[in-house]
């Protein structure tokens, strides 16, 4: 009979090789297989058709009186650039000579107060000030 472990210096329980191969080797293999293979559980949301509620465009036009502009290129263009990058605003025109800004926007996405706040935020509230907001009805023209 051949033995799996042969150590004379240590007193170990020595198993015959045929017992190890028949009984313990398959169990050891299954144990290693179980701990090495991690089960990856991916939880996905059920695929149900979700409908986004699309609101019709509620386009409004306003004229803002803007104080604090000192030049056409720096001030007026900076305000135009900032507002044109804002979601919900479709058209911006700022006039340095008139000290006014004309804005066309979707009222479902942004409010006229938020537009005024956006102008105030350009210089941390220190450069520009919106003194008046007037709604304009362009369909009457």
Protein backbone atom coordinates (compact mmCIF):
# COMPACT_ATOMS: atom_id res chain seq x y z
CA UNK A 1 0.00 0.00 0.00
CA UNK A 2 1.41 3.41 -0.96
CA UNK A 3 1.02 6.36 1.36
CA UNK A 4 0.32 9.93 0.34
CA UNK A 5 2.40 11.61 3.07
CA UNK A 6 5.64 10.24 4.35
CA UNK A 7 7.16 12.24 7.17
CA UNK A 8 9.33 10.49 9.71
CA UNK A 9 10.10 13.59 11.78
CA UNK A 10 6.47 14.50 12.37
CA UNK A 11 3.68 12.39 13.69
CA UNK A 12 0.90 12.98 11.18
CA UNK A 13 -2.12 11.00 10.32
CA UNK A 14 -1.08 9.24 7.20
CA UNK A 15 -3.80 8.28 4.78
CA UNK A 16 -3.42 5.55 2.27
CA UNK A 17 -3.31 6.97 -1.26
CA UNK A 18 -6.28 4.96 -2.50
CA UNK A 19 -8.57 6.36 0.28
CA UNK A 20 -7.44 9.90 -0.53
CA UNK A 21 -7.99 9.50 -4.26
CA UNK A 22 -11.40 7.86 -3.88
CA UNK A 23 -12.98 10.03 -1.20
CA UNK A 24 -11.11 13.17 -0.27
CA UNK A 25 -9.77 14.29 -3.65
CA UNK A 26 -13.24 14.73 -5.24
CA UNK A 27 -14.48 16.55 -2.13
CA UNK A 28 -11.46 18.81 -2.15
CA UNK A 29 -11.99 19.49 -5.85
CA UNK A 30 -15.66 20.41 -5.28
CA UNK A 31 -14.75 22.63 -2.35
CA UNK A 32 -12.15 24.51 -4.38
CA UNK A 33 -14.56 24.80 -7.27
CA UNK A 34 -17.26 26.28 -5.04
CA UNK A 35 -15.05 28.89 -3.43
CA UNK A 36 -13.30 29.89 -6.64
CA UNK A 37 -16.42 30.44 -8.73
CA UNK A 38 -18.30 33.42 -7.51
CA UNK A 39 -21.84 33.68 -8.57
CA UNK A 40 -22.48 37.07 -10.07
CA UNK A 41 -26.02 38.18 -9.50
CA UNK A 42 -27.08 41.04 -11.71
CA UNK A 43 -30.33 42.62 -10.74
CA UNK A 44 -31.93 44.46 -13.58
CA UNK A 45 -35.07 46.47 -13.52
CA UNK A 46 -37.90 44.76 -15.30
CA UNK A 47 -38.18 45.82 -18.87
CA UNK A 48 -41.46 47.59 -18.89
CA UNK A 49 -42.12 50.34 -21.34
CA UNK A 50 -41.77 53.60 -19.51
CA UNK A 51 -43.38 56.58 -21.01
CA UNK A 52 -41.76 59.92 -20.46
CA UNK A 53 -44.27 62.59 -19.98
CA UNK A 54 -43.43 65.08 -22.68
CA UNK A 55 -44.82 68.49 -21.98
CA UNK A 56 -45.59 70.71 -24.93
CA UNK A 57 -43.20 73.61 -25.38
CA UNK A 58 -44.51 76.60 -23.49
CA UNK A 59 -42.48 79.28 -25.22
CA UNK A 60 -42.38 82.69 -23.59
CA UNK A 61 -40.62 85.92 -24.43
CA UNK A 62 -39.35 88.40 -21.86
CA UNK A 63 -37.41 91.66 -21.82
CA UNK A 64 -35.01 92.18 -18.92
CA UNK A 65 -33.64 95.53 -17.81
CA UNK A 66 -29.99 94.88 -16.94
CA UNK A 67 -27.86 97.30 -14.93
CA UNK A 68 -24.09 97.07 -14.60
CA UNK A 69 -23.06 96.58 -18.24
CA UNK A 70 -20.08 98.75 -19.13
CA UNK A 71 -19.24 97.54 -22.67
CA UNK A 72 -20.78 95.76 -25.65
CA UNK A 73 -18.17 93.09 -26.22
CA UNK A 74 -17.33 92.08 -22.67
CA UNK A 75 -20.57 92.48 -20.76
CA UNK A 76 -23.37 92.02 -23.29
CA UNK A 77 -21.67 89.09 -25.06
CA UNK A 78 -20.84 87.41 -21.74
CA UNK A 79 -24.49 87.55 -20.68
CA UNK A 80 -25.60 86.25 -24.10
CA UNK A 81 -23.08 83.43 -24.00
CA UNK A 82 -24.03 82.35 -20.49
CA UNK A 83 -27.78 82.39 -21.15
CA UNK A 84 -27.52 80.65 -24.53
CA UNK A 85 -25.81 77.68 -22.82
CA UNK A 86 -28.66 77.36 -20.32
CA UNK A 87 -31.13 74.53 -20.87
CA UNK A 88 -34.57 75.77 -21.84
CA UNK A 89 -33.42 79.05 -23.40
CA UNK A 90 -33.76 79.10 -27.17
CA UNK A 91 -32.82 82.69 -28.09
CA UNK A 92 -30.94 85.52 -26.36
CA UNK A 93 -30.20 89.03 -27.54
CA UNK A 94 -28.55 91.55 -25.19
CA UNK A 95 -28.24 95.20 -26.17
CA UNK A 96 -25.62 97.28 -24.42
CA UNK A 97 -27.07 100.56 -25.77
CA UNK A 98 -30.58 99.84 -24.47
CA UNK A 99 -29.36 98.02 -21.32
CA UNK A 100 -31.90 95.30 -22.12
CA UNK A 101 -31.91 91.59 -22.78
CA UNK A 102 -34.52 89.79 -24.87
CA UNK A 103 -34.93 86.11 -24.06
CA UNK A 104 -37.08 83.39 -25.59
CA UNK A 105 -37.40 80.32 -23.36
CA UNK A 106 -39.46 77.23 -22.57
CA UNK A 107 -41.37 77.94 -19.36
CA UNK A 108 -41.63 74.19 -18.65
CA UNK A 109 -37.83 74.00 -18.30
CA UNK A 110 -36.82 77.33 -16.77
CA UNK A 111 -38.56 80.28 -15.14
CA UNK A 112 -37.99 83.96 -15.75
CA UNK A 113 -36.79 84.29 -12.15
CA UNK A 114 -34.19 81.57 -12.79
CA UNK A 115 -33.02 83.50 -15.86
CA UNK A 116 -32.58 86.63 -13.73
CA UNK A 117 -30.66 84.57 -11.14
CA UNK A 118 -28.43 83.21 -13.91
CA UNK A 119 -27.52 86.78 -14.93
CA UNK A 120 -26.81 87.70 -11.29
CA UNK A 121 -24.56 84.64 -10.89
CA UNK A 122 -22.22 85.72 -13.71
CA UNK A 123 -20.20 88.04 -11.48
CA UNK A 124 -21.13 86.45 -8.14
CA UNK A 125 -23.91 89.01 -7.85
CA UNK A 126 -21.50 91.95 -8.04
CA UNK A 127 -21.50 92.84 -11.75
CA UNK A 128 -25.02 92.75 -13.14
CA UNK A 129 -28.45 93.38 -11.72
CA UNK A 130 -31.84 92.69 -13.30
CA UNK A 131 -34.12 95.56 -12.34
CA UNK A 132 -37.26 94.68 -14.30
CA UNK A 133 -38.71 91.69 -16.14
CA UNK A 134 -41.45 92.33 -18.70
CA UNK A 135 -43.36 89.56 -20.45
CA UNK A 136 -43.80 90.15 -24.19
CA UNK A 137 -46.62 88.69 -26.27
CA UNK A 138 -45.19 88.31 -29.78
CA UNK A 139 -48.28 86.60 -31.23
CA UNK A 140 -50.28 89.84 -31.00
CA UNK A 141 -47.93 91.57 -33.48
